[in-house]
Amino acid sequence: GLVQPGGSLRLSCAASGFTFSGYATSWYRQAPG
């Protein structure tokens, strides 16, 4: 969402069809350009 500088957010990644406990997981980000 939209947040002011200095603010906080919590992102979630919910899985279906498997369990995260057996998987290595990363967060990536991509900005335009």
PDB file of all heavy atoms in Angstrom:
ATOM      1  N   GLY A   1       0.818  -1.197   0.000  1.00  0.00           N
ATOM      2  CA  GLY A   1       0.000   0.000   0.000  1.00  0.00           C
ATOM      3  C   GLY A   1       0.850   1.244   0.000  1.00  0.00           C
ATOM      4  O   GLY A   1       2.055   1.205  -0.254  1.00  0.00           O
ATOM      5  N   LEU A   2       0.215   2.372   0.295  1.00  0.00           N
ATOM      6  CA  LEU A   2       0.878   3.671   0.360  1.00  0.00           C
ATOM      7  C   LEU A   2       1.212   3.997   1.810  1.00  0.00           C
ATOM      8  O   LEU A   2       0.340   3.927   2.683  1.00  0.00           O
ATOM      9  CB  LEU A   2      -0.024   4.754  -0.227  1.00  0.00           C
ATOM     10  CG  LEU A   2       0.474   6.191  -0.145  1.00  0.00           C
ATOM     11  CD1 LEU A   2       1.748   6.368  -0.958  1.00  0.00           C
ATOM     12  CD2 LEU A   2      -0.612   7.146  -0.623  1.00  0.00           C
ATOM     13  N   VAL A   3       2.465   4.361   2.060  1.00  0.00           N
ATOM     14  CA  VAL A   3       2.912   4.684   3.407  1.00  0.00           C
ATOM     15  C   VAL A   3       3.867   5.873   3.345  1.00  0.00           C
ATOM     16  O   VAL A   3       4.578   6.058   2.350  1.00  0.00           O
ATOM     17  CB  VAL A   3       3.587   3.460   4.072  1.00  0.00           C
ATOM     18  CG1 VAL A   3       4.865   3.072   3.335  1.00  0.00           C
ATOM     19  CG2 VAL A   3       3.860   3.714   5.543  1.00  0.00           C
ATOM     20  N   GLN A   4       3.880   6.687   4.398  1.00  0.00           N
ATOM     21  CA  GLN A   4       4.774   7.837   4.456  1.00  0.00           C
ATOM     22  C   GLN A   4       6.199   7.413   4.800  1.00  0.00           C
ATOM     23  O   GLN A   4       6.411   6.373   5.428  1.00  0.00           O
ATOM     24  CB  GLN A   4       4.279   8.838   5.497  1.00  0.00           C
ATOM     25  CG  GLN A   4       2.963   9.500   5.143  1.00  0.00           C
ATOM     26  CD  GLN A   4       2.546  10.540   6.168  1.00  0.00           C
ATOM     27  OE1 GLN A   4       3.001  10.521   7.306  1.00  0.00           O
ATOM     28  NE2 GLN A   4       1.682  11.450   5.760  1.00  0.00           N
ATOM     29  N   PRO A   5       7.198   8.192   4.384  1.00  0.00           N
ATOM     30  CA  PRO A   5       8.569   7.886   4.796  1.00  0.00           C
ATOM     31  C   PRO A   5       8.681   7.763   6.310  1.00  0.00           C
ATOM     32  O   PRO A   5       8.098   8.555   7.055  1.00  0.00           O
ATOM     33  CB  PRO A   5       9.371   9.082   4.273  1.00  0.00           C
ATOM     34  CG  PRO A   5       8.574   9.568   3.110  1.00  0.00           C
ATOM     35  CD  PRO A   5       7.128   9.353   3.492  1.00  0.00           C
ATOM     36  N   GLY A   6       9.428   6.756   6.748  1.00  0.00           N
ATOM     37  CA  GLY A   6       9.554   6.466   8.161  1.00  0.00           C
ATOM     38  C   GLY A   6       8.505   5.522   8.700  1.00  0.00           C
ATOM     39  O   GLY A   6       8.618   5.066   9.849  1.00  0.00           O
ATOM     40  N   GLY A   7       7.504   5.208   7.906  1.00  0.00           N
ATOM     41  CA  GLY A   7       6.440   4.323   8.328  1.00  0.00           C
ATOM     42  C   GLY A   7       6.804   2.857   8.198  1.00  0.00           C
ATOM     43  O   GLY A   7       7.922   2.496   7.826  1.00  0.00           O
ATOM     44  N   SER A   8       5.814   2.002   8.493  1.00  0.00           N
ATOM     45  CA  SER A   8       6.023   0.555   8.495  1.00  0.00           C
ATOM     46  C   SER A   8       4.904  -0.154   7.748  1.00  0.00           C
ATOM     47  O   SER A   8       3.770   0.327   7.685  1.00  0.00           O
ATOM     48  CB  SER A   8       6.074   0.013   9.927  1.00  0.00           C
ATOM     49  OG  SER A   8       7.136   0.584  10.666  1.00  0.00           O
ATOM     50  N   LEU A   9       5.231  -1.311   7.188  1.00  0.00           N
ATOM     51  CA  LEU A   9       4.271  -2.213   6.572  1.00  0.00           C
ATOM     52  C   LEU A   9       4.689  -3.647   6.852  1.00  0.00           C
ATOM     53  O   LEU A   9       5.880  -3.930   7.015  1.00  0.00           O
ATOM     54  CB  LEU A   9       4.191  -2.017   5.053  1.00  0.00           C
ATOM     55  CG  LEU A   9       3.468  -0.796   4.496  1.00  0.00           C
ATOM     56  CD1 LEU A   9       3.661  -0.730   2.987  1.00  0.00           C
ATOM     57  CD2 LEU A   9       1.987  -0.852   4.836  1.00  0.00           C
ATOM     58  N   ARG A  10       3.719  -4.550   6.900  1.00  0.00           N
ATOM     59  CA  ARG A  10       3.999  -5.972   6.970  1.00  0.00           C
ATOM     60  C   ARG A  10       3.399  -6.663   5.759  1.00  0.00           C
ATOM     61  O   ARG A  10       2.181  -6.626   5.551  1.00  0.00           O
ATOM     62  CB  ARG A  10       3.449  -6.600   8.252  1.00  0.00           C
ATOM     63  CG  ARG A  10       3.921  -8.051   8.440  1.00  0.00           C
ATOM     64  CD  ARG A  10       3.335  -8.714   9.668  1.00  0.00           C
ATOM     65  NE  ARG A  10       1.927  -9.051   9.491  1.00  0.00           N
ATOM     66  CZ  ARG A  10       1.222  -9.811  10.325  1.00  0.00           C
ATOM     67  NH1 ARG A  10       1.807 -10.293  11.417  1.00  0.00           N
ATOM     68  NH2 ARG A  10      -0.051 -10.054  10.088  1.00  0.00           N
ATOM     69  N   LEU A  11       4.254  -7.280   4.960  1.00  0.00           N
ATOM     70  CA  LEU A  11       3.820  -8.040   3.808  1.00  0.00           C
ATOM     71  C   LEU A  11       3.648  -9.510   4.177  1.00  0.00           C
ATOM     72  O   LEU A  11       4.380 -10.038   5.015  1.00  0.00           O
ATOM     73  CB  LEU A  11       4.830  -7.921   2.664  1.00  0.00           C
ATOM     74  CG  LEU A  11       5.223  -6.506   2.239  1.00  0.00           C
ATOM     75  CD1 LEU A  11       6.171  -6.574   1.036  1.00  0.00           C
ATOM     76  CD2 LEU A  11       3.998  -5.666   1.920  1.00  0.00           C
ATOM     77  N   SER A  12       2.690 -10.163   3.531  1.00  0.00           N
ATOM     78  CA  SER A  12       2.429 -11.574   3.763  1.00  0.00           C
ATOM     79  C   SER A  12       2.539 -12.347   2.457  1.00  0.00           C
ATOM     80  O   SER A  12       2.156 -11.850   1.400  1.00  0.00           O
ATOM     81  CB  SER A  12       1.031 -11.781   4.352  1.00  0.00           C
ATOM     82  OG  SER A  12       0.884 -11.127   5.595  1.00  0.00           O
ATOM     83  N   CYS A  13       3.044 -13.565   2.550  1.00  0.00           N
ATOM     84  CA  CYS A  13       3.094 -14.497   1.425  1.00  0.00           C
ATOM     85  C   CYS A  13       2.464 -15.793   1.892  1.00  0.00           C
ATOM     86  O   CYS A  13       3.071 -16.541   2.664  1.00  0.00           O
ATOM     87  CB  CYS A  13       4.538 -14.706   0.970  1.00  0.00           C
ATOM     88  SG  CYS A  13       4.726 -15.902  -0.371  1.00  0.00           S
ATOM     89  N   ALA A  14       1.246 -16.054   1.446  1.00  0.00           N
ATOM     90  CA  ALA A  14       0.492 -17.231   1.856  1.00  0.00           C
ATOM     91  C   ALA A  14       0.611 -18.327   0.813  1.00  0.00           C
ATOM     92  O   ALA A  14       0.439 -18.083  -0.381  1.00  0.00           O
ATOM     93  CB  ALA A  14      -0.975 -16.870   2.079  1.00  0.00           C
ATOM     94  N   ALA A  15       0.881 -19.548   1.258  1.00  0.00           N
ATOM     95  CA  ALA A  15       1.109 -20.677   0.368  1.00  0.00           C
ATOM     96  C   ALA A  15      -0.079 -21.627   0.364  1.00  0.00           C
ATOM     97  O   ALA A  15      -0.711 -21.868   1.397  1.00  0.00           O
ATOM     98  CB  ALA A  15       2.362 -21.438   0.778  1.00  0.00           C
ATOM     99  N   SER A  16      -0.367 -22.181  -0.818  1.00  0.00           N
ATOM    100  CA  SER A  16      -1.358 -23.232  -0.984  1.00  0.00           C
ATOM    101  C   SER A  16      -0.743 -24.343  -1.811  1.00  0.00           C
ATOM    102  O   SER A  16       0.016 -24.084  -2.739  1.00  0.00           O
ATOM    103  CB  SER A  16      -2.623 -22.710  -1.676  1.00  0.00           C
ATOM    104  OG  SER A  16      -3.235 -21.685  -0.923  1.00  0.00           O
ATOM    105  N   GLY A  17      -1.074 -25.589  -1.491  1.00  0.00           N
ATOM    106  CA  GLY A  17      -0.580 -26.725  -2.247  1.00  0.00           C
ATOM    107  C   GLY A  17       0.744 -27.293  -1.771  1.00  0.00           C
ATOM    108  O   GLY A  17       1.198 -28.294  -2.328  1.00  0.00           O
ATOM    109  N   PHE A  18       1.356 -26.687  -0.786  1.00  0.00           N
ATOM    110  CA  PHE A  18       2.590 -27.167  -0.183  1.00  0.00           C
ATOM    111  C   PHE A  18       2.756 -26.480   1.161  1.00  0.00           C
ATOM    112  O   PHE A  18       2.010 -25.558   1.496  1.00  0.00           O
ATOM    113  CB  PHE A  18       3.806 -26.912  -1.089  1.00  0.00           C
ATOM    114  CG  PHE A  18       4.143 -25.460  -1.251  1.00  0.00           C
ATOM    115  CD1 PHE A  18       5.150 -24.878  -0.492  1.00  0.00           C
ATOM    116  CD2 PHE A  18       3.462 -24.671  -2.157  1.00  0.00           C
ATOM    117  CE1 PHE A  18       5.470 -23.532  -0.643  1.00  0.00           C
ATOM    118  CE2 PHE A  18       3.765 -23.331  -2.317  1.00  0.00           C
ATOM    119  CZ  PHE A  18       4.771 -22.766  -1.554  1.00  0.00           C
ATOM    120  N   THR A  19       3.738 -26.919   1.927  1.00  0.00           N
ATOM    121  CA  THR A  19       4.009 -26.322   3.230  1.00  0.00           C
ATOM    122  C   THR A  19       5.367 -25.640   3.211  1.00  0.00           C
ATOM    123  O   THR A  19       6.362 -26.213   2.765  1.00  0.00           O
ATOM    124  CB  THR A  19       3.975 -27.373   4.350  1.00  0.00           C
ATOM    125  OG1 THR A  19       4.875 -28.439   4.042  1.00  0.00           O
ATOM    126  CG2 THR A  19       2.571 -27.937   4.503  1.00  0.00           C
ATOM    127  N   PHE A  20       5.405 -24.416   3.722  1.00  0.00           N
ATOM    128  CA  PHE A  20       6.622 -23.621   3.707  1.00  0.00           C
ATOM    129  C   PHE A  20       7.757 -24.224   4.515  1.00  0.00           C
ATOM    130  O   PHE A  20       8.925 -23.905   4.274  1.00  0.00           O
ATOM    131  CB  PHE A  20       6.333 -22.216   4.239  1.00  0.00           C
ATOM    132  CG  PHE A  20       5.992 -21.201   3.193  1.00  0.00           C
ATOM    133  CD1 PHE A  20       4.895 -20.370   3.354  1.00  0.00           C
ATOM    134  CD2 PHE A  20       6.767 -21.065   2.049  1.00  0.00           C
ATOM    135  CE1 PHE A  20       4.578 -19.421   2.401  1.00  0.00           C
ATOM    136  CE2 PHE A  20       6.453 -20.125   1.085  1.00  0.00           C
ATOM    137  CZ  PHE A  20       5.360 -19.296   1.260  1.00  0.00           C
ATOM    138  N   SER A  21       7.445 -25.068   5.482  1.00  0.00           N
ATOM    139  CA  SER A  21       8.473 -25.585   6.374  1.00  0.00           C
ATOM    140  C   SER A  21       9.579 -26.334   5.639  1.00  0.00           C
ATOM    141  O   SER A  21      10.701 -26.417   6.134  1.00  0.00           O
ATOM    142  CB  SER A  21       7.851 -26.486   7.440  1.00  0.00           C
ATOM    143  OG  SER A  21       7.195 -27.596   6.850  1.00  0.00           O
ATOM    144  N   GLY A  22       9.291 -26.880   4.464  1.00  0.00           N
ATOM    145  CA  GLY A  22      10.290 -27.593   3.691  1.00  0.00           C
ATOM    146  C   GLY A  22      10.884 -26.796   2.551  1.00  0.00           C
ATOM    147  O   GLY A  22      11.573 -27.371   1.702  1.00  0.00           O
ATOM    148  N   TYR A  23      10.635 -25.493   2.518  1.00  0.00           N
ATOM    149  CA  TYR A  23      11.034 -24.646   1.400  1.00  0.00           C
ATOM    150  C   TYR A  23      11.858 -23.457   1.863  1.00  0.00           C
ATOM    151  O   TYR A  23      11.585 -22.876   2.922  1.00  0.00           O
ATOM    152  CB  TYR A  23       9.803 -24.132   0.652  1.00  0.00           C
ATOM    153  CG  TYR A  23       9.076 -25.192  -0.148  1.00  0.00           C
ATOM    154  CD1 TYR A  23       8.363 -26.197   0.491  1.00  0.00           C
ATOM    155  CD2 TYR A  23       9.113 -25.181  -1.538  1.00  0.00           C
ATOM    156  CE1 TYR A  23       7.707 -27.177  -0.238  1.00  0.00           C
ATOM    157  CE2 TYR A  23       8.452 -26.145  -2.275  1.00  0.00           C
ATOM    158  CZ  TYR A  23       7.750 -27.144  -1.615  1.00  0.00           C
ATOM    159  OH  TYR A  23       7.096 -28.099  -2.349  1.00  0.00           O
ATOM    160  N   ALA A  24      12.843 -23.101   1.055  1.00  0.00           N
ATOM    161  CA  ALA A  24      13.593 -21.867   1.258  1.00  0.00           C
ATOM    162  C   ALA A  24      12.859 -20.729   0.559  1.00  0.00           C
ATOM    163  O   ALA A  24      12.490 -20.858  -0.608  1.00  0.00           O
ATOM    164  CB  ALA A  24      15.007 -22.003   0.713  1.00  0.00           C
ATOM    165  N   THR A  25      12.648 -19.631   1.252  1.00  0.00           N
ATOM    166  CA  THR A  25      11.804 -18.558   0.744  1.00  0.00           C
ATOM    167  C   THR A  25      12.526 -17.226   0.785  1.00  0.00           C
ATOM    168  O   THR A  25      13.230 -16.917   1.746  1.00  0.00           O
ATOM    169  CB  THR A  25      10.506 -18.474   1.557  1.00  0.00           C
ATOM    170  OG1 THR A  25       9.847 -19.750   1.533  1.00  0.00           O
ATOM    171  CG2 THR A  25       9.560 -17.430   0.967  1.00  0.00           C
ATOM    172  N   SER A  26      12.319 -16.437  -0.269  1.00  0.00           N
ATOM    173  CA  SER A  26      12.932 -15.115  -0.384  1.00  0.00           C
ATOM    174  C   SER A  26      11.876 -14.080  -0.722  1.00  0.00           C
ATOM    175  O   SER A  26      10.838 -14.391  -1.312  1.00  0.00           O
ATOM    176  CB  SER A  26      14.007 -15.094  -1.473  1.00  0.00           C
ATOM    177  OG  SER A  26      15.052 -16.006  -1.196  1.00  0.00           O
ATOM    178  N   TRP A  27      12.167 -12.845  -0.362  1.00  0.00           N
ATOM    179  CA  TRP A  27      11.425 -11.689  -0.847  1.00  0.00           C
ATOM    180  C   TRP A  27      12.309 -10.933  -1.834  1.00  0.00           C
ATOM    181  O   TRP A  27      13.472 -10.649  -1.539  1.00  0.00           O
ATOM    182  CB  TRP A  27      11.012 -10.757   0.295  1.00  0.00           C
ATOM    183  CG  TRP A  27       9.836 -11.228   1.084  1.00  0.00           C
ATOM    184  CD1 TRP A  27       9.848 -11.897   2.261  1.00  0.00           C
ATOM    185  CD2 TRP A  27       8.452 -11.030   0.750  1.00  0.00           C
ATOM    186  NE1 TRP A  27       8.568 -12.146   2.692  1.00  0.00           N
ATOM    187  CE2 TRP A  27       7.689 -11.623   1.783  1.00  0.00           C
ATOM    188  CE3 TRP A  27       7.792 -10.413  -0.317  1.00  0.00           C
ATOM    189  CZ2 TRP A  27       6.288 -11.624   1.777  1.00  0.00           C
ATOM    190  CZ3 TRP A  27       6.398 -10.419  -0.314  1.00  0.00           C
ATOM    191  CH2 TRP A  27       5.676 -11.012   0.712  1.00  0.00           C
ATOM    192  N   TYR A  28      11.734 -10.613  -2.987  1.00  0.00           N
ATOM    193  CA  TYR A  28      12.378  -9.802  -4.002  1.00  0.00           C
ATOM    194  C   TYR A  28      11.569  -8.530  -4.206  1.00  0.00           C
ATOM    195  O   TYR A  28      10.383  -8.469  -3.864  1.00  0.00           O
ATOM    196  CB  TYR A  28      12.459 -10.532  -5.341  1.00  0.00           C
ATOM    197  CG  TYR A  28      13.430 -11.688  -5.408  1.00  0.00           C
ATOM    198  CD1 TYR A  28      13.106 -12.931  -4.884  1.00  0.00           C
ATOM    199  CD2 TYR A  28      14.670 -11.537  -6.032  1.00  0.00           C
ATOM    200  CE1 TYR A  28      13.982 -13.994  -4.957  1.00  0.00           C
ATOM    201  CE2 TYR A  28      15.555 -12.593  -6.121  1.00  0.00           C
ATOM    202  CZ  TYR A  28      15.202 -13.821  -5.582  1.00  0.00           C
ATOM    203  OH  TYR A  28      16.083 -14.871  -5.678  1.00  0.00           O
ATOM    204  N   ARG A  29      12.205  -7.527  -4.785  1.00  0.00           N
ATOM    205  CA  ARG A  29      11.479  -6.338  -5.191  1.00  0.00           C
ATOM    206  C   ARG A  29      12.001  -5.850  -6.533  1.00  0.00           C
ATOM    207  O   ARG A  29      13.153  -6.082  -6.892  1.00  0.00           O
ATOM    208  CB  ARG A  29      11.583  -5.226  -4.148  1.00  0.00           C
ATOM    209  CG  ARG A  29      12.973  -4.634  -3.975  1.00  0.00           C
ATOM    210  CD  ARG A  29      12.975  -3.634  -2.823  1.00  0.00           C
ATOM    211  NE  ARG A  29      14.275  -3.014  -2.638  1.00  0.00           N
ATOM    212  CZ  ARG A  29      14.575  -2.206  -1.629  1.00  0.00           C
ATOM    213  NH1 ARG A  29      13.653  -1.925  -0.707  1.00  0.00           N
ATOM    214  NH2 ARG A  29      15.786  -1.677  -1.529  1.00  0.00           N
ATOM    215  N   GLN A  30      11.127  -5.183  -7.274  1.00  0.00           N
ATOM    216  CA  GLN A  30      11.509  -4.621  -8.556  1.00  0.00           C
ATOM    217  C   GLN A  30      10.800  -3.285  -8.746  1.00  0.00           C
ATOM    218  O   GLN A  30       9.571  -3.212  -8.686  1.00  0.00           O
ATOM    219  CB  GLN A  30      11.174  -5.558  -9.712  1.00  0.00           C
ATOM    220  CG  GLN A  30      11.713  -5.080 -11.046  1.00  0.00           C
ATOM    221  CD  GLN A  30      11.821  -6.188 -12.069  1.00  0.00           C
ATOM    222  OE1 GLN A  30      11.065  -7.166 -12.025  1.00  0.00           O
ATOM    223  NE2 GLN A  30      12.760  -6.052 -12.990  1.00  0.00           N
ATOM    224  N   ALA A  31      11.593  -2.247  -8.963  1.00  0.00           N
ATOM    225  CA  ALA A  31      11.085  -0.916  -9.249  1.00  0.00           C
ATOM    226  C   ALA A  31      11.199  -0.646 -10.742  1.00  0.00           C
ATOM    227  O   ALA A  31      12.052  -1.234 -11.419  1.00  0.00           O
ATOM    228  CB  ALA A  31      11.853   0.135  -8.455  1.00  0.00           C
ATOM    229  N   PRO A  32      10.368   0.239 -11.292  1.00  0.00           N
ATOM    230  CA  PRO A  32      10.443   0.548 -12.720  1.00  0.00           C
ATOM    231  C   PRO A  32      11.841   0.995 -13.133  1.00  0.00           C
ATOM    232  O   PRO A  32      12.440   1.863 -12.491  1.00  0.00           O
ATOM    233  CB  PRO A  32       9.422   1.670 -12.894  1.00  0.00           C
ATOM    234  CG  PRO A  32       8.444   1.453 -11.785  1.00  0.00           C
ATOM    235  CD  PRO A  32       9.270   0.956 -10.631  1.00  0.00           C
ATOM    236  N   GLY A  33      12.369   0.386 -14.194  1.00  0.00           N
ATOM    237  CA  GLY A  33      13.677   0.736 -14.700  1.00  0.00           C
ATOM    238  C   GLY A  33      14.847   0.177 -13.924  1.00  0.00           C
ATOM    239  O   GLY A  33      16.000   0.487 -14.260  1.00  0.00           O
TER     240      GLY A  33
END
